[in-house]
Amino acid sequence: MWQAALRARLAPARACAVFAAFACFTPASAAEGGKVDAALRASPQTHVVVIEQMRFNPPDLVVNRGDRVVWVNKDLFPHTATAASTAFDSRSIAPDGSWPYVAKRPGRYPYVCMLHPTMRGTLTVR
């Protein structure tokens, strides 16, 4: 019985607390929260391009600015990942070696292996 009386006394205080919480939640704070959510979703990711059997896999890759791309050479001989625009150049990647690159500028970057020009890929940075 005393619990019911206590609940009845506390009900107005709870209502005030709930109202205060909603009063503090304005569209501006919602927008800021949206920015935080977007920032969390946009945190840099790492993508892997495997070099194997004289191919880049995947041959076409789309990443966000700030993402890291790592080319991993699983072939028996060296390869490069060299952008036609000179945006990036791995130089020689030894067998079982790798080369990391952070995508900085948006654009479409076709690239080749300078040692095996039939090997082609495209990196697109959003």
C-alpha atoms as a PDB file:
ATOM      1  CA  MET A   1       0.000   0.000   0.000  1.00  0.00           C
ATOM      2  CA  TRP A   2       2.751   2.426   0.851  1.00  0.00           C
ATOM      3  CA  GLN A   3       4.376   1.669  -2.571  1.00  0.00           C
ATOM      4  CA  ALA A   4       1.265   2.904  -4.375  1.00  0.00           C
ATOM      5  CA  ALA A   5       1.294   6.117  -2.336  1.00  0.00           C
ATOM      6  CA  LEU A   6       4.991   6.624  -3.107  1.00  0.00           C
ATOM      7  CA  ARG A   7       4.442   6.044  -6.851  1.00  0.00           C
ATOM      8  CA  ALA A   8       1.599   8.551  -6.827  1.00  0.00           C
ATOM      9  CA  ARG A   9       3.849  11.128  -5.159  1.00  0.00           C
ATOM     10  CA  LEU A  10       6.737  10.527  -7.575  1.00  0.00           C
ATOM     11  CA  ALA A  11       4.639  10.531 -10.755  1.00  0.00           C
ATOM     12  CA  PRO A  12       4.693  14.364 -11.156  1.00  0.00           C
ATOM     13  CA  ALA A  13       8.479  14.400 -10.658  1.00  0.00           C
ATOM     14  CA  ARG A  14       8.940  11.716 -13.322  1.00  0.00           C
ATOM     15  CA  ALA A  15       6.718  13.655 -15.713  1.00  0.00           C
ATOM     16  CA  CYS A  16       8.867  16.756 -15.174  1.00  0.00           C
ATOM     17  CA  ALA A  17      12.049  14.780 -15.796  1.00  0.00           C
ATOM     18  CA  VAL A  18      10.659  13.347 -19.044  1.00  0.00           C
ATOM     19  CA  PHE A  19       9.539  16.804 -20.175  1.00  0.00           C
ATOM     20  CA  ALA A  20      12.957  18.267 -19.346  1.00  0.00           C
ATOM     21  CA  ALA A  21      14.679  15.578 -21.406  1.00  0.00           C
ATOM     22  CA  PHE A  22      12.476  16.335 -24.432  1.00  0.00           C
ATOM     23  CA  ALA A  23      12.888  20.078 -23.956  1.00  0.00           C
ATOM     24  CA  CYS A  24      16.662  19.648 -24.200  1.00  0.00           C
ATOM     25  CA  PHE A  25      16.339  17.638 -27.423  1.00  0.00           C
ATOM     26  CA  THR A  26      16.041  20.310 -30.091  1.00  0.00           C
ATOM     27  CA  PRO A  27      16.346  20.005 -33.871  1.00  0.00           C
ATOM     28  CA  ALA A  28      19.841  21.478 -33.537  1.00  0.00           C
ATOM     29  CA  SER A  29      20.920  18.708 -31.190  1.00  0.00           C
ATOM     30  CA  ALA A  30      19.311  16.164 -33.525  1.00  0.00           C
ATOM     31  CA  ALA A  31      21.349  17.596 -36.400  1.00  0.00           C
ATOM     32  CA  GLU A  32      24.522  17.396 -34.333  1.00  0.00           C
ATOM     33  CA  GLY A  33      23.684  13.794 -33.477  1.00  0.00           C
ATOM     34  CA  GLY A  34      23.247  13.143 -37.176  1.00  0.00           C
ATOM     35  CA  LYS A  35      26.720  14.543 -37.789  1.00  0.00           C
ATOM     36  CA  VAL A  36      28.139  12.258 -35.148  1.00  0.00           C
ATOM     37  CA  ASP A  37      26.350   9.249 -36.672  1.00  0.00           C
ATOM     38  CA  ALA A  38      27.587  10.204 -40.136  1.00  0.00           C
ATOM     39  CA  ALA A  39      31.111  10.605 -38.802  1.00  0.00           C
ATOM     40  CA  LEU A  40      30.976   7.162 -37.227  1.00  0.00           C
ATOM     41  CA  ARG A  41      29.691   5.614 -40.445  1.00  0.00           C
ATOM     42  CA  ALA A  42      32.348   7.468 -42.418  1.00  0.00           C
ATOM     43  CA  SER A  43      35.252   6.277 -40.297  1.00  0.00           C
ATOM     44  CA  PRO A  44      38.067   5.112 -42.570  1.00  0.00           C
ATOM     45  CA  GLN A  45      37.956   1.510 -43.701  1.00  0.00           C
ATOM     46  CA  THR A  46      40.626  -0.789 -45.106  1.00  0.00           C
ATOM     47  CA  HIS A  47      40.098  -2.445 -48.491  1.00  0.00           C
ATOM     48  CA  VAL A  48      42.310  -5.193 -49.922  1.00  0.00           C
ATOM     49  CA  VAL A  49      43.198  -5.720 -53.569  1.00  0.00           C
ATOM     50  CA  VAL A  50      44.758  -9.151 -54.068  1.00  0.00           C
ATOM     51  CA  ILE A  51      47.251  -9.515 -56.895  1.00  0.00           C
ATOM     52  CA  GLU A  52      47.098 -13.110 -58.069  1.00  0.00           C
ATOM     53  CA  GLN A  53      47.262 -14.986 -61.384  1.00  0.00           C
ATOM     54  CA  MET A  54      48.294 -11.788 -63.180  1.00  0.00           C
ATOM     55  CA  ARG A  55      45.116  -9.927 -62.058  1.00  0.00           C
ATOM     56  CA  PHE A  56      43.986  -7.300 -59.588  1.00  0.00           C
ATOM     57  CA  ASN A  57      41.058  -8.606 -57.565  1.00  0.00           C
ATOM     58  CA  PRO A  58      38.757  -6.775 -57.393  1.00  0.00           C
ATOM     59  CA  PRO A  59      39.683  -5.024 -60.645  1.00  0.00           C
ATOM     60  CA  ASP A  60      37.379  -2.065 -59.847  1.00  0.00           C
ATOM     61  CA  LEU A  61      37.154  -0.710 -56.331  1.00  0.00           C
ATOM     62  CA  VAL A  62      35.097   2.205 -54.954  1.00  0.00           C
ATOM     63  CA  VAL A  63      36.250   3.705 -51.639  1.00  0.00           C
ATOM     64  CA  ASN A  64      35.608   6.821 -49.601  1.00  0.00           C
ATOM     65  CA  ARG A  65      38.138   9.569 -49.134  1.00  0.00           C
ATOM     66  CA  GLY A  66      40.337   8.633 -46.176  1.00  0.00           C
ATOM     67  CA  ASP A  67      39.936   4.893 -46.703  1.00  0.00           C
ATOM     68  CA  ARG A  68      43.045   2.730 -46.855  1.00  0.00           C
ATOM     69  CA  VAL A  69      43.673   0.400 -49.797  1.00  0.00           C
ATOM     70  CA  VAL A  70      46.236  -2.379 -49.435  1.00  0.00           C
ATOM     71  CA  TRP A  71      47.508  -4.238 -52.491  1.00  0.00           C
ATOM     72  CA  VAL A  72      48.703  -7.733 -51.507  1.00  0.00           C
ATOM     73  CA  ASN A  73      50.876  -9.629 -53.972  1.00  0.00           C
ATOM     74  CA  LYS A  74      50.114 -13.369 -53.917  1.00  0.00           C
ATOM     75  CA  ASP A  75      51.852 -14.017 -57.241  1.00  0.00           C
ATOM     76  CA  LEU A  76      55.293 -15.567 -57.691  1.00  0.00           C
ATOM     77  CA  PHE A  77      56.817 -12.400 -59.149  1.00  0.00           C
ATOM     78  CA  PRO A  78      56.751  -8.652 -58.409  1.00  0.00           C
ATOM     79  CA  HIS A  79      54.008  -6.277 -59.543  1.00  0.00           C
ATOM     80  CA  THR A  80      53.180  -2.583 -59.269  1.00  0.00           C
ATOM     81  CA  ALA A  81      49.978  -0.603 -58.838  1.00  0.00           C
ATOM     82  CA  THR A  82      50.648   2.584 -60.768  1.00  0.00           C
ATOM     83  CA  ALA A  83      47.965   5.182 -61.495  1.00  0.00           C
ATOM     84  CA  ALA A  84      47.988   6.656 -64.991  1.00  0.00           C
ATOM     85  CA  SER A  85      47.537  10.104 -63.420  1.00  0.00           C
ATOM     86  CA  THR A  86      50.581   9.609 -61.136  1.00  0.00           C
ATOM     87  CA  ALA A  87      48.219   9.902 -58.140  1.00  0.00           C
ATOM     88  CA  PHE A  88      49.892   6.814 -56.677  1.00  0.00           C
ATOM     89  CA  ASP A  89      52.706   4.416 -57.516  1.00  0.00           C
ATOM     90  CA  SER A  90      53.511   1.400 -55.399  1.00  0.00           C
ATOM     91  CA  ARG A  91      56.799   0.732 -57.119  1.00  0.00           C
ATOM     92  CA  SER A  92      57.680  -2.959 -57.033  1.00  0.00           C
ATOM     93  CA  ILE A  93      55.597  -5.083 -54.653  1.00  0.00           C
ATOM     94  CA  ALA A  94      57.545  -8.272 -53.959  1.00  0.00           C
ATOM     95  CA  PRO A  95      55.863 -11.694 -53.862  1.00  0.00           C
ATOM     96  CA  ASP A  96      54.022 -12.053 -50.528  1.00  0.00           C
ATOM     97  CA  GLY A  97      54.520  -8.323 -50.034  1.00  0.00           C
ATOM     98  CA  SER A  98      51.968  -5.553 -49.733  1.00  0.00           C
ATOM     99  CA  TRP A  99      51.633  -1.820 -50.266  1.00  0.00           C
ATOM    100  CA  PRO A 100      49.204   0.505 -48.448  1.00  0.00           C
ATOM    101  CA  TYR A 101      47.691   3.696 -49.859  1.00  0.00           C
ATOM    102  CA  VAL A 102      45.319   6.193 -48.243  1.00  0.00           C
ATOM    103  CA  ALA A 103      42.798   7.601 -50.742  1.00  0.00           C
ATOM    104  CA  LYS A 104      42.926  11.373 -50.368  1.00  0.00           C
ATOM    105  CA  ARG A 105      41.400  13.011 -53.424  1.00  0.00           C
ATOM    106  CA  PRO A 106      38.045  12.121 -54.968  1.00  0.00           C
ATOM    107  CA  GLY A 107      38.237  10.907 -58.540  1.00  0.00           C
ATOM    108  CA  ARG A 108      38.567   7.929 -60.820  1.00  0.00           C
ATOM    109  CA  TYR A 109      42.066   6.469 -61.040  1.00  0.00           C
ATOM    110  CA  PRO A 110      42.789   3.796 -63.641  1.00  0.00           C
ATOM    111  CA  TYR A 111      45.990   1.942 -62.772  1.00  0.00           C
ATOM    112  CA  VAL A 112      48.243  -0.741 -64.260  1.00  0.00           C
ATOM    113  CA  CYS A 113      51.098  -2.989 -63.321  1.00  0.00           C
ATOM    114  CA  MET A 114      54.091  -1.324 -64.976  1.00  0.00           C
ATOM    115  CA  LEU A 115      55.825  -4.723 -65.215  1.00  0.00           C
ATOM    116  CA  HIS A 116      52.781  -6.398 -66.815  1.00  0.00           C
ATOM    117  CA  PRO A 117      50.750  -3.715 -68.671  1.00  0.00           C
ATOM    118  CA  THR A 118      47.866  -6.075 -69.442  1.00  0.00           C
ATOM    119  CA  MET A 119      47.024  -6.019 -65.732  1.00  0.00           C
ATOM    120  CA  ARG A 120      44.599  -3.166 -65.172  1.00  0.00           C
ATOM    121  CA  GLY A 121      42.345  -1.877 -62.412  1.00  0.00           C
ATOM    122  CA  THR A 122      40.425   1.207 -61.383  1.00  0.00           C
ATOM    123  CA  LEU A 123      40.268   2.893 -58.009  1.00  0.00           C
ATOM    124  CA  THR A 124      37.356   5.312 -57.578  1.00  0.00           C
ATOM    125  CA  VAL A 125      37.472   7.632 -54.578  1.00  0.00           C
ATOM    126  CA  ARG A 126      34.214   9.293 -53.453  1.00  0.00           C
END
